[in-house]
């Protein structure tokens, strides 16, 4: 079956937007990049887009809305900031109400989306939020445990190289923790979620590493381990550098020696510890920037599935 690809634009010509553009050019089956949007006319992302034959504007979302190609665009990826996304979404919908927004900021106007966990429920959503890099890396693990046993509490620690944390990431640290914590509950299935991000200044830069602690009701550890491993394989289909750093670890918390969890009280049951490493594909960003690569990979996987459904392919 042959079909015409749907057109997409990217707002944000920084690291994430530029990496996403290259992924669209190299990997997309149902989408093609039609415009790259920034606010700095001297940005490397806009210059690279122009060299690759992609239409550009340095006048932000307003400039995109004025571009002749805008009326043909079905998808817009927003790789700016939480505050900017709220404005961009409102402005573009004034010109084209049915446009699909893939939000790579922590704004969370639309539903949280982690492709391997809940994309099927949001294929028709006008705006989906890709949570955060830490959320994309860890929520699948929490969901993997929750499909075997009730999860009372999940805590994640995302450690990324400080060199891979650009202005957008640094400006959104508070939103990162709030959005990720909430998505651990809404998407991951935890009764209570907590998220921590660590900017590691080590030289040479270290790859993204994520630690996931899950407290659940008692369960068969073999079943939990199998569920986690299956989920890791599923994420690996669109993030090739996503992997378990070591085997899943378990601790049984007995009733006579419970843990005390703030907001939940005393806990006994199963503690599952999972250690993840994310290596970037190095399309534009260095390989250690797995935190950025997992966001662009998840956003592309989401939009491709949506586009495939729209095309009936």
C-alpha atoms as a PDB file:
ATOM      1  CA  UNK A   1       0.000   0.000   0.000  1.00  0.00           C
ATOM      2  CA  UNK A   2       1.321   3.443  -0.887  1.00  0.00           C
ATOM      3  CA  UNK A   3       0.338   6.596   0.953  1.00  0.00           C
ATOM      4  CA  UNK A   4       1.341  10.216   1.253  1.00  0.00           C
ATOM      5  CA  UNK A   5       3.218  11.047   4.432  1.00  0.00           C
ATOM      6  CA  UNK A   6       1.705  13.577   6.825  1.00  0.00           C
ATOM      7  CA  UNK A   7       3.611  16.796   7.395  1.00  0.00           C
ATOM      8  CA  UNK A   8       5.121  17.841  10.719  1.00  0.00           C
ATOM      9  CA  UNK A   9       6.776  20.918  12.169  1.00  0.00           C
ATOM     10  CA  UNK A  10       9.129  21.280  15.117  1.00  0.00           C
ATOM     11  CA  UNK A  11       9.073  24.293  17.417  1.00  0.00           C
ATOM     12  CA  UNK A  12      12.393  24.658  19.222  1.00  0.00           C
ATOM     13  CA  UNK A  13      15.672  24.620  17.309  1.00  0.00           C
ATOM     14  CA  UNK A  14      17.846  23.597  20.254  1.00  0.00           C
ATOM     15  CA  UNK A  15      19.374  20.195  20.977  1.00  0.00           C
ATOM     16  CA  UNK A  16      16.118  18.271  21.326  1.00  0.00           C
ATOM     17  CA  UNK A  17      14.426  19.848  18.330  1.00  0.00           C
ATOM     18  CA  UNK A  18      17.449  19.358  16.094  1.00  0.00           C
ATOM     19  CA  UNK A  19      17.891  15.729  17.112  1.00  0.00           C
ATOM     20  CA  UNK A  20      14.194  15.130  16.483  1.00  0.00           C
ATOM     21  CA  UNK A  21      14.470  16.697  13.040  1.00  0.00           C
ATOM     22  CA  UNK A  22      17.258  14.282  12.105  1.00  0.00           C
ATOM     23  CA  UNK A  23      15.225  11.331  13.383  1.00  0.00           C
ATOM     24  CA  UNK A  24      12.254  12.433  11.278  1.00  0.00           C
ATOM     25  CA  UNK A  25      14.454  12.732   8.198  1.00  0.00           C
ATOM     26  CA  UNK A  26      16.103   9.340   8.739  1.00  0.00           C
ATOM     27  CA  UNK A  27      13.539   7.144  10.429  1.00  0.00           C
ATOM     28  CA  UNK A  28       9.969   8.298   9.926  1.00  0.00           C
ATOM     29  CA  UNK A  29       7.667   6.104   7.854  1.00  0.00           C
ATOM     30  CA  UNK A  30       4.436   8.105   8.093  1.00  0.00           C
ATOM     31  CA  UNK A  31       5.675  11.662   8.714  1.00  0.00           C
ATOM     32  CA  UNK A  32       7.897  14.146   6.939  1.00  0.00           C
ATOM     33  CA  UNK A  33       9.443  17.269   8.415  1.00  0.00           C
ATOM     34  CA  UNK A  34       8.060  20.406   6.724  1.00  0.00           C
ATOM     35  CA  UNK A  35       9.269  23.218   8.986  1.00  0.00           C
ATOM     36  CA  UNK A  36      11.764  23.968  11.747  1.00  0.00           C
ATOM     37  CA  UNK A  37      10.855  26.853  14.049  1.00  0.00           C
ATOM     38  CA  UNK A  38      13.097  28.803  16.408  1.00  0.00           C
ATOM     39  CA  UNK A  39      13.544  32.245  17.896  1.00  0.00           C
ATOM     40  CA  UNK A  40      17.308  32.661  17.372  1.00  0.00           C
ATOM     41  CA  UNK A  41      18.158  33.298  13.711  1.00  0.00           C
ATOM     42  CA  UNK A  42      21.758  32.248  14.411  1.00  0.00           C
ATOM     43  CA  UNK A  43      20.900  28.886  15.994  1.00  0.00           C
ATOM     44  CA  UNK A  44      22.688  25.797  14.719  1.00  0.00           C
ATOM     45  CA  UNK A  45      19.364  23.967  14.488  1.00  0.00           C
ATOM     46  CA  UNK A  46      17.887  26.452  12.013  1.00  0.00           C
ATOM     47  CA  UNK A  47      21.093  26.531   9.995  1.00  0.00           C
ATOM     48  CA  UNK A  48      21.227  22.734   9.847  1.00  0.00           C
ATOM     49  CA  UNK A  49      17.555  22.560   8.845  1.00  0.00           C
ATOM     50  CA  UNK A  50      18.125  25.009   6.003  1.00  0.00           C
ATOM     51  CA  UNK A  51      21.086  22.949   4.764  1.00  0.00           C
ATOM     52  CA  UNK A  52      18.869  19.857   4.764  1.00  0.00           C
ATOM     53  CA  UNK A  53      16.186  21.565   2.700  1.00  0.00           C
ATOM     54  CA  UNK A  54      13.700  22.120   5.553  1.00  0.00           C
ATOM     55  CA  UNK A  55      11.764  25.409   5.606  1.00  0.00           C
ATOM     56  CA  UNK A  56      12.621  27.566   8.620  1.00  0.00           C
ATOM     57  CA  UNK A  57      11.458  30.575  10.581  1.00  0.00           C
ATOM     58  CA  UNK A  58      13.085  32.340  13.528  1.00  0.00           C
ATOM     59  CA  UNK A  59       9.822  34.059  14.507  1.00  0.00           C
ATOM     60  CA  UNK A  60       8.468  31.331  16.788  1.00  0.00           C
ATOM     61  CA  UNK A  61       4.963  29.897  16.633  1.00  0.00           C
ATOM     62  CA  UNK A  62       3.693  33.172  15.157  1.00  0.00           C
ATOM     63  CA  UNK A  63       6.112  32.749  12.276  1.00  0.00           C
ATOM     64  CA  UNK A  64       5.030  29.148  11.770  1.00  0.00           C
ATOM     65  CA  UNK A  65       1.376  30.188  11.537  1.00  0.00           C
ATOM     66  CA  UNK A  66       2.316  32.638   8.754  1.00  0.00           C
ATOM     67  CA  UNK A  67       4.275  30.080   6.704  1.00  0.00           C
ATOM     68  CA  UNK A  68       2.482  28.886   3.531  1.00  0.00           C
ATOM     69  CA  UNK A  69       3.129  25.268   4.514  1.00  0.00           C
ATOM     70  CA  UNK A  70       1.341  25.622   7.857  1.00  0.00           C
ATOM     71  CA  UNK A  71      -2.101  24.704   6.484  1.00  0.00           C
ATOM     72  CA  UNK A  72      -0.670  21.377   5.289  1.00  0.00           C
ATOM     73  CA  UNK A  73       0.858  20.506   8.667  1.00  0.00           C
ATOM     74  CA  UNK A  74      -0.899  17.874  10.759  1.00  0.00           C
ATOM     75  CA  UNK A  75       1.603  17.469  13.623  1.00  0.00           C
ATOM     76  CA  UNK A  76       3.631  19.956  15.630  1.00  0.00           C
ATOM     77  CA  UNK A  77       6.338  18.827  18.030  1.00  0.00           C
ATOM     78  CA  UNK A  78       6.994  21.412  20.748  1.00  0.00           C
ATOM     79  CA  UNK A  79      10.513  21.241  22.202  1.00  0.00           C
ATOM     80  CA  UNK A  80      10.548  24.623  23.935  1.00  0.00           C
ATOM     81  CA  UNK A  81       9.531  25.071  27.582  1.00  0.00           C
ATOM     82  CA  UNK A  82       6.442  24.456  29.691  1.00  0.00           C
ATOM     83  CA  UNK A  83       5.369  28.104  29.662  1.00  0.00           C
ATOM     84  CA  UNK A  84       6.032  28.553  25.963  1.00  0.00           C
ATOM     85  CA  UNK A  85       4.068  25.432  25.082  1.00  0.00           C
ATOM     86  CA  UNK A  86       0.907  26.777  26.701  1.00  0.00           C
ATOM     87  CA  UNK A  87       1.155  29.863  24.503  1.00  0.00           C
ATOM     88  CA  UNK A  88       2.130  27.929  21.379  1.00  0.00           C
ATOM     89  CA  UNK A  89      -0.757  25.495  21.688  1.00  0.00           C
ATOM     90  CA  UNK A  90      -3.306  28.279  22.122  1.00  0.00           C
ATOM     91  CA  UNK A  91      -1.917  30.342  19.248  1.00  0.00           C
ATOM     92  CA  UNK A  92      -1.707  27.523  16.698  1.00  0.00           C
ATOM     93  CA  UNK A  93      -5.214  26.271  17.486  1.00  0.00           C
ATOM     94  CA  UNK A  94      -6.579  29.694  16.656  1.00  0.00           C
ATOM     95  CA  UNK A  95      -5.314  29.124  13.113  1.00  0.00           C
ATOM     96  CA  UNK A  96      -5.845  25.359  12.866  1.00  0.00           C
ATOM     97  CA  UNK A  97      -8.047  23.872  15.626  1.00  0.00           C
ATOM     98  CA  UNK A  98      -7.479  20.247  14.627  1.00  0.00           C
ATOM     99  CA  UNK A  99      -3.697  20.282  14.726  1.00  0.00           C
ATOM    100  CA  UNK A 100      -1.987  17.496  16.722  1.00  0.00           C
ATOM    101  CA  UNK A 101       0.520  18.690  19.327  1.00  0.00           C
ATOM    102  CA  UNK A 102       3.276  16.416  20.632  1.00  0.00           C
ATOM    103  CA  UNK A 103       4.472  18.172  23.779  1.00  0.00           C
ATOM    104  CA  UNK A 104       8.082  17.474  24.819  1.00  0.00           C
ATOM    105  CA  UNK A 105       7.886  19.974  27.697  1.00  0.00           C
ATOM    106  CA  UNK A 106       6.476  19.367  31.185  1.00  0.00           C
ATOM    107  CA  UNK A 107       3.437  21.586  30.462  1.00  0.00           C
ATOM    108  CA  UNK A 108       1.018  18.625  30.490  1.00  0.00           C
ATOM    109  CA  UNK A 109      -1.917  20.332  28.778  1.00  0.00           C
ATOM    110  CA  UNK A 110      -2.900  16.999  27.292  1.00  0.00           C
ATOM    111  CA  UNK A 111      -2.740  13.484  28.770  1.00  0.00           C
ATOM    112  CA  UNK A 112       0.588  11.976  29.763  1.00  0.00           C
ATOM    113  CA  UNK A 113       1.830   9.552  27.134  1.00  0.00           C
ATOM    114  CA  UNK A 114       4.405   6.779  27.512  1.00  0.00           C
ATOM    115  CA  UNK A 115       4.172   4.850  24.229  1.00  0.00           C
ATOM    116  CA  UNK A 116       4.586   1.299  25.546  1.00  0.00           C
ATOM    117  CA  UNK A 117       2.156   1.867  28.414  1.00  0.00           C
ATOM    118  CA  UNK A 118      -0.814   3.956  27.291  1.00  0.00           C
ATOM    119  CA  UNK A 119      -0.503   5.291  23.741  1.00  0.00           C
ATOM    120  CA  UNK A 120      -3.411   3.167  22.484  1.00  0.00           C
ATOM    121  CA  UNK A 121      -5.749   5.132  24.768  1.00  0.00           C
ATOM    122  CA  UNK A 122      -4.657   8.488  23.323  1.00  0.00           C
ATOM    123  CA  UNK A 123      -4.309   7.934  19.585  1.00  0.00           C
ATOM    124  CA  UNK A 124      -6.986  10.567  18.919  1.00  0.00           C
ATOM    125  CA  UNK A 125      -5.840  13.127  21.508  1.00  0.00           C
ATOM    126  CA  UNK A 126      -5.218  16.623  20.077  1.00  0.00           C
ATOM    127  CA  UNK A 127      -2.332  17.193  22.506  1.00  0.00           C
ATOM    128  CA  UNK A 128      -0.229  14.548  24.245  1.00  0.00           C
ATOM    129  CA  UNK A 129       2.451  15.195  26.825  1.00  0.00           C
ATOM    130  CA  UNK A 130       5.647  13.145  26.688  1.00  0.00           C
ATOM    131  CA  UNK A 131       6.150  13.624  30.445  1.00  0.00           C
ATOM    132  CA  UNK A 132       9.931  13.955  30.958  1.00  0.00           C
ATOM    133  CA  UNK A 133      13.097  12.046  30.116  1.00  0.00           C
ATOM    134  CA  UNK A 134      13.017  10.460  33.561  1.00  0.00           C
ATOM    135  CA  UNK A 135       9.361   9.586  33.108  1.00  0.00           C
ATOM    136  CA  UNK A 136       9.916   7.930  29.740  1.00  0.00           C
ATOM    137  CA  UNK A 137      12.770   5.879  31.206  1.00  0.00           C
ATOM    138  CA  UNK A 138      11.147   4.797  34.464  1.00  0.00           C
ATOM    139  CA  UNK A 139       7.356   4.774  34.167  1.00  0.00           C
ATOM    140  CA  UNK A 140       7.448   1.640  31.967  1.00  0.00           C
ATOM    141  CA  UNK A 141       9.199  -0.145  34.847  1.00  0.00           C
ATOM    142  CA  UNK A 142       6.601   0.973  37.379  1.00  0.00           C
ATOM    143  CA  UNK A 143       3.834  -0.101  34.995  1.00  0.00           C
ATOM    144  CA  UNK A 144       5.549  -3.467  34.519  1.00  0.00           C
ATOM    145  CA  UNK A 145       5.417  -4.109  38.261  1.00  0.00           C
ATOM    146  CA  UNK A 146       1.862  -2.794  38.592  1.00  0.00           C
ATOM    147  CA  UNK A 147       0.527  -5.276  36.048  1.00  0.00           C
ATOM    148  CA  UNK A 148       1.684  -8.047  38.381  1.00  0.00           C
ATOM    149  CA  UNK A 149       0.997  -6.546  41.828  1.00  0.00           C
ATOM    150  CA  UNK A 150      -0.628  -3.463  43.334  1.00  0.00           C
ATOM    151  CA  UNK A 151       1.999  -0.720  43.654  1.00  0.00           C
ATOM    152  CA  UNK A 152       1.755   1.400  46.779  1.00  0.00           C
ATOM    153  CA  UNK A 153       4.794   3.630  46.204  1.00  0.00           C
ATOM    154  CA  UNK A 154       7.332   4.235  43.433  1.00  0.00           C
ATOM    155  CA  UNK A 155      10.376   6.468  43.612  1.00  0.00           C
ATOM    156  CA  UNK A 156      12.666   7.211  40.695  1.00  0.00           C
ATOM    157  CA  UNK A 157      16.064   8.883  40.556  1.00  0.00           C
ATOM    158  CA  UNK A 158      17.168  10.102  37.121  1.00  0.00           C
ATOM    159  CA  UNK A 159      20.873  10.893  36.876  1.00  0.00           C
ATOM    160  CA  UNK A 160      21.980  12.748  33.766  1.00  0.00           C
ATOM    161  CA  UNK A 161      25.178  14.430  32.664  1.00  0.00           C
ATOM    162  CA  UNK A 162      25.140  18.137  33.433  1.00  0.00           C
ATOM    163  CA  UNK A 163      26.440  18.665  29.885  1.00  0.00           C
ATOM    164  CA  UNK A 164      23.228  17.181  28.488  1.00  0.00           C
ATOM    165  CA  UNK A 165      21.034  19.514  30.551  1.00  0.00           C
ATOM    166  CA  UNK A 166      20.398  22.541  28.384  1.00  0.00           C
ATOM    167  CA  UNK A 167      18.611  25.786  29.285  1.00  0.00           C
ATOM    168  CA  UNK A 168      15.164  24.206  28.850  1.00  0.00           C
ATOM    169  CA  UNK A 169      15.930  21.328  31.204  1.00  0.00           C
ATOM    170  CA  UNK A 170      17.455  23.602  33.835  1.00  0.00           C
ATOM    171  CA  UNK A 171      14.544  26.042  33.635  1.00  0.00           C
ATOM    172  CA  UNK A 172      12.039  23.237  34.179  1.00  0.00           C
ATOM    173  CA  UNK A 173      13.521  21.322  37.137  1.00  0.00           C
ATOM    174  CA  UNK A 174      10.484  21.982  39.350  1.00  0.00           C
ATOM    175  CA  UNK A 175       8.114  21.004  36.547  1.00  0.00           C
ATOM    176  CA  UNK A 176      10.214  17.881  35.929  1.00  0.00           C
ATOM    177  CA  UNK A 177       9.747  16.584  39.471  1.00  0.00           C
ATOM    178  CA  UNK A 178       6.068  17.504  39.646  1.00  0.00           C
ATOM    179  CA  UNK A 179       5.143  16.136  36.214  1.00  0.00           C
ATOM    180  CA  UNK A 180       7.161  12.938  36.610  1.00  0.00           C
ATOM    181  CA  UNK A 181       5.798  12.248  40.084  1.00  0.00           C
ATOM    182  CA  UNK A 182       2.236  12.674  38.910  1.00  0.00           C
ATOM    183  CA  UNK A 183       2.748  10.545  35.805  1.00  0.00           C
ATOM    184  CA  UNK A 184       4.232   7.739  37.911  1.00  0.00           C
ATOM    185  CA  UNK A 185       0.807   7.585  39.546  1.00  0.00           C
ATOM    186  CA  UNK A 186      -1.463   8.267  36.549  1.00  0.00           C
ATOM    187  CA  UNK A 187       0.386   6.167  33.962  1.00  0.00           C
ATOM    188  CA  UNK A 188       2.592   3.892  36.053  1.00  0.00           C
ATOM    189  CA  UNK A 189      -0.183   2.856  38.403  1.00  0.00           C
ATOM    190  CA  UNK A 190       1.506   3.733  41.701  1.00  0.00           C
ATOM    191  CA  UNK A 191      -0.618   4.953  44.576  1.00  0.00           C
ATOM    192  CA  UNK A 192       2.121   7.486  45.394  1.00  0.00           C
ATOM    193  CA  UNK A 193       5.005   8.607  43.195  1.00  0.00           C
ATOM    194  CA  UNK A 194       8.187  10.582  43.785  1.00  0.00           C
ATOM    195  CA  UNK A 195      10.793  11.788  41.292  1.00  0.00           C
ATOM    196  CA  UNK A 196      14.316  13.138  41.764  1.00  0.00           C
ATOM    197  CA  UNK A 197      16.683  14.433  39.078  1.00  0.00           C
ATOM    198  CA  UNK A 198      20.456  14.628  39.548  1.00  0.00           C
ATOM    199  CA  UNK A 199      22.725  16.652  37.247  1.00  0.00           C
ATOM    200  CA  UNK A 200      26.058  14.822  37.330  1.00  0.00           C
ATOM    201  CA  UNK A 201      29.111  17.036  36.566  1.00  0.00           C
ATOM    202  CA  UNK A 202      31.471  14.064  36.091  1.00  0.00           C
ATOM    203  CA  UNK A 203      34.088  14.177  33.339  1.00  0.00           C
ATOM    204  CA  UNK A 204      34.044  12.420  30.991  1.00  0.00           C
ATOM    205  CA  UNK A 205      30.239  12.741  30.954  1.00  0.00           C
ATOM    206  CA  UNK A 206      28.275   9.702  32.123  1.00  0.00           C
ATOM    207  CA  UNK A 207      25.292   8.177  30.343  1.00  0.00           C
ATOM    208  CA  UNK A 208      21.801   8.617  31.706  1.00  0.00           C
ATOM    209  CA  UNK A 209      21.109   6.203  34.514  1.00  0.00           C
ATOM    210  CA  UNK A 210      17.796   5.701  36.274  1.00  0.00           C
ATOM    211  CA  UNK A 211      17.042   3.926  39.526  1.00  0.00           C
ATOM    212  CA  UNK A 212      13.483   2.770  40.188  1.00  0.00           C
ATOM    213  CA  UNK A 213      12.284   1.645  43.628  1.00  0.00           C
ATOM    214  CA  UNK A 214       8.840   0.100  43.733  1.00  0.00           C
ATOM    215  CA  UNK A 215       6.986  -0.966  46.873  1.00  0.00           C
ATOM    216  CA  UNK A 216       4.128  -3.336  46.088  1.00  0.00           C
ATOM    217  CA  UNK A 217       2.005  -5.978  47.668  1.00  0.00           C
ATOM    218  CA  UNK A 218       3.616  -9.392  47.960  1.00  0.00           C
ATOM    219  CA  UNK A 219       4.072 -11.038  44.547  1.00  0.00           C
ATOM    220  CA  UNK A 220       5.888 -13.776  42.692  1.00  0.00           C
ATOM    221  CA  UNK A 221       9.352 -12.269  42.072  1.00  0.00           C
ATOM    222  CA  UNK A 222       9.843 -14.363  38.933  1.00  0.00           C
ATOM    223  CA  UNK A 223       6.636 -12.925  37.471  1.00  0.00           C
ATOM    224  CA  UNK A 224       7.695  -9.373  38.350  1.00  0.00           C
ATOM    225  CA  UNK A 225      11.149  -9.869  36.851  1.00  0.00           C
ATOM    226  CA  UNK A 226       9.679 -11.328  33.648  1.00  0.00           C
ATOM    227  CA  UNK A 227       7.256  -8.398  33.352  1.00  0.00           C
ATOM    228  CA  UNK A 228      10.063  -5.849  33.790  1.00  0.00           C
ATOM    229  CA  UNK A 229      12.295  -7.594  31.253  1.00  0.00           C
ATOM    230  CA  UNK A 230       9.461  -7.751  28.715  1.00  0.00           C
ATOM    231  CA  UNK A 231       8.795  -4.043  29.197  1.00  0.00           C
ATOM    232  CA  UNK A 232      12.472  -3.193  28.706  1.00  0.00           C
ATOM    233  CA  UNK A 233      12.438  -5.106  25.414  1.00  0.00           C
ATOM    234  CA  UNK A 234       9.333  -3.164  24.340  1.00  0.00           C
ATOM    235  CA  UNK A 235      10.963   0.222  25.055  1.00  0.00           C
ATOM    236  CA  UNK A 236      14.107  -0.977  23.294  1.00  0.00           C
ATOM    237  CA  UNK A 237      12.168  -1.272  20.024  1.00  0.00           C
ATOM    238  CA  UNK A 238      12.143   2.542  19.710  1.00  0.00           C
ATOM    239  CA  UNK A 239      15.019   3.449  22.071  1.00  0.00           C
ATOM    240  CA  UNK A 240      17.807   1.019  21.067  1.00  0.00           C
ATOM    241  CA  UNK A 241      20.122   2.237  23.838  1.00  0.00           C
ATOM    242  CA  UNK A 242      17.625   1.480  26.629  1.00  0.00           C
ATOM    243  CA  UNK A 243      18.704  -1.458  28.775  1.00  0.00           C
ATOM    244  CA  UNK A 244      18.834  -3.006  32.217  1.00  0.00           C
ATOM    245  CA  UNK A 245      22.123  -2.200  33.919  1.00  0.00           C
ATOM    246  CA  UNK A 246      21.878  -5.335  36.097  1.00  0.00           C
ATOM    247  CA  UNK A 247      19.310  -7.918  37.129  1.00  0.00           C
ATOM    248  CA  UNK A 248      16.159  -6.844  38.927  1.00  0.00           C
ATOM    249  CA  UNK A 249      16.628  -6.950  42.699  1.00  0.00           C
ATOM    250  CA  UNK A 250      14.050  -7.836  45.366  1.00  0.00           C
ATOM    251  CA  UNK A 251      13.707  -7.347  49.118  1.00  0.00           C
ATOM    252  CA  UNK A 252      10.820  -8.706  51.179  1.00  0.00           C
ATOM    253  CA  UNK A 253       9.633  -6.234  53.800  1.00  0.00           C
ATOM    254  CA  UNK A 254       8.058  -8.322  56.612  1.00  0.00           C
ATOM    255  CA  UNK A 255       5.047  -7.172  58.651  1.00  0.00           C
ATOM    256  CA  UNK A 256       7.114  -7.194  61.848  1.00  0.00           C
ATOM    257  CA  UNK A 257       9.676  -4.763  60.358  1.00  0.00           C
ATOM    258  CA  UNK A 258       7.650  -2.432  58.103  1.00  0.00           C
ATOM    259  CA  UNK A 259       8.831   0.685  56.312  1.00  0.00           C
ATOM    260  CA  UNK A 260       7.203   4.043  57.004  1.00  0.00           C
ATOM    261  CA  UNK A 261       6.291   5.942  53.839  1.00  0.00           C
ATOM    262  CA  UNK A 262       5.339   9.629  54.194  1.00  0.00           C
ATOM    263  CA  UNK A 263       1.712  10.026  53.214  1.00  0.00           C
ATOM    264  CA  UNK A 264       1.065   6.292  53.122  1.00  0.00           C
ATOM    265  CA  UNK A 265       2.054   5.050  56.558  1.00  0.00           C
ATOM    266  CA  UNK A 266       3.548   1.652  57.381  1.00  0.00           C
ATOM    267  CA  UNK A 267       4.382  -0.714  54.545  1.00  0.00           C
ATOM    268  CA  UNK A 268       5.157  -4.392  54.286  1.00  0.00           C
ATOM    269  CA  UNK A 269       5.363  -6.379  51.075  1.00  0.00           C
ATOM    270  CA  UNK A 270       7.813  -6.478  48.166  1.00  0.00           C
ATOM    271  CA  UNK A 271      10.480  -3.915  47.302  1.00  0.00           C
ATOM    272  CA  UNK A 272      11.648  -4.114  43.680  1.00  0.00           C
ATOM    273  CA  UNK A 273      14.787  -2.240  42.581  1.00  0.00           C
ATOM    274  CA  UNK A 274      15.499  -1.726  38.896  1.00  0.00           C
ATOM    275  CA  UNK A 275      18.560  -0.048  37.386  1.00  0.00           C
ATOM    276  CA  UNK A 276      18.344   1.345  33.855  1.00  0.00           C
ATOM    277  CA  UNK A 277      20.928   2.846  31.519  1.00  0.00           C
ATOM    278  CA  UNK A 278      20.022   4.874  28.436  1.00  0.00           C
ATOM    279  CA  UNK A 279      22.591   5.391  25.691  1.00  0.00           C
ATOM    280  CA  UNK A 280      21.754   7.925  23.013  1.00  0.00           C
ATOM    281  CA  UNK A 281      21.723   7.081  19.316  1.00  0.00           C
ATOM    282  CA  UNK A 282      24.166   9.968  18.628  1.00  0.00           C
ATOM    283  CA  UNK A 283      22.181  11.250  15.635  1.00  0.00           C
ATOM    284  CA  UNK A 284      22.933  14.845  16.653  1.00  0.00           C
ATOM    285  CA  UNK A 285      23.574  14.663  20.372  1.00  0.00           C
ATOM    286  CA  UNK A 286      26.473  12.785  22.003  1.00  0.00           C
ATOM    287  CA  UNK A 287      25.851   9.181  23.028  1.00  0.00           C
ATOM    288  CA  UNK A 288      25.868  10.071  26.742  1.00  0.00           C
ATOM    289  CA  UNK A 289      22.789  12.295  26.242  1.00  0.00           C
ATOM    290  CA  UNK A 290      20.354   9.411  26.547  1.00  0.00           C
ATOM    291  CA  UNK A 291      18.006  11.668  28.501  1.00  0.00           C
ATOM    292  CA  UNK A 292      17.415  13.765  25.396  1.00  0.00           C
ATOM    293  CA  UNK A 293      17.431  10.830  22.984  1.00  0.00           C
ATOM    294  CA  UNK A 294      14.700   8.973  24.873  1.00  0.00           C
ATOM    295  CA  UNK A 295      12.448  12.031  24.644  1.00  0.00           C
ATOM    296  CA  UNK A 296      12.866  12.483  20.906  1.00  0.00           C
ATOM    297  CA  UNK A 297      12.542   8.733  20.320  1.00  0.00           C
ATOM    298  CA  UNK A 298       9.353   8.500  22.387  1.00  0.00           C
ATOM    299  CA  UNK A 299       7.872  11.567  20.688  1.00  0.00           C
ATOM    300  CA  UNK A 300       8.613  10.172  17.235  1.00  0.00           C
ATOM    301  CA  UNK A 301       7.204   6.738  18.131  1.00  0.00           C
ATOM    302  CA  UNK A 302       4.022   8.409  19.414  1.00  0.00           C
ATOM    303  CA  UNK A 303       3.492  10.625  16.389  1.00  0.00           C
ATOM    304  CA  UNK A 304       4.261   7.783  13.966  1.00  0.00           C
ATOM    305  CA  UNK A 305       1.607   5.574  15.568  1.00  0.00           C
ATOM    306  CA  UNK A 306      -0.905   8.425  15.434  1.00  0.00           C
ATOM    307  CA  UNK A 307      -0.057   9.179  11.808  1.00  0.00           C
ATOM    308  CA  UNK A 308      -0.327   5.504  10.861  1.00  0.00           C
ATOM    309  CA  UNK A 309      -3.818   5.397  12.390  1.00  0.00           C
ATOM    310  CA  UNK A 310      -4.851   8.595  10.593  1.00  0.00           C
ATOM    311  CA  UNK A 311      -3.633   7.218   7.260  1.00  0.00           C
ATOM    312  CA  UNK A 312      -5.264   3.845   7.807  1.00  0.00           C
ATOM    313  CA  UNK A 313      -1.932   2.235   6.992  1.00  0.00           C
END
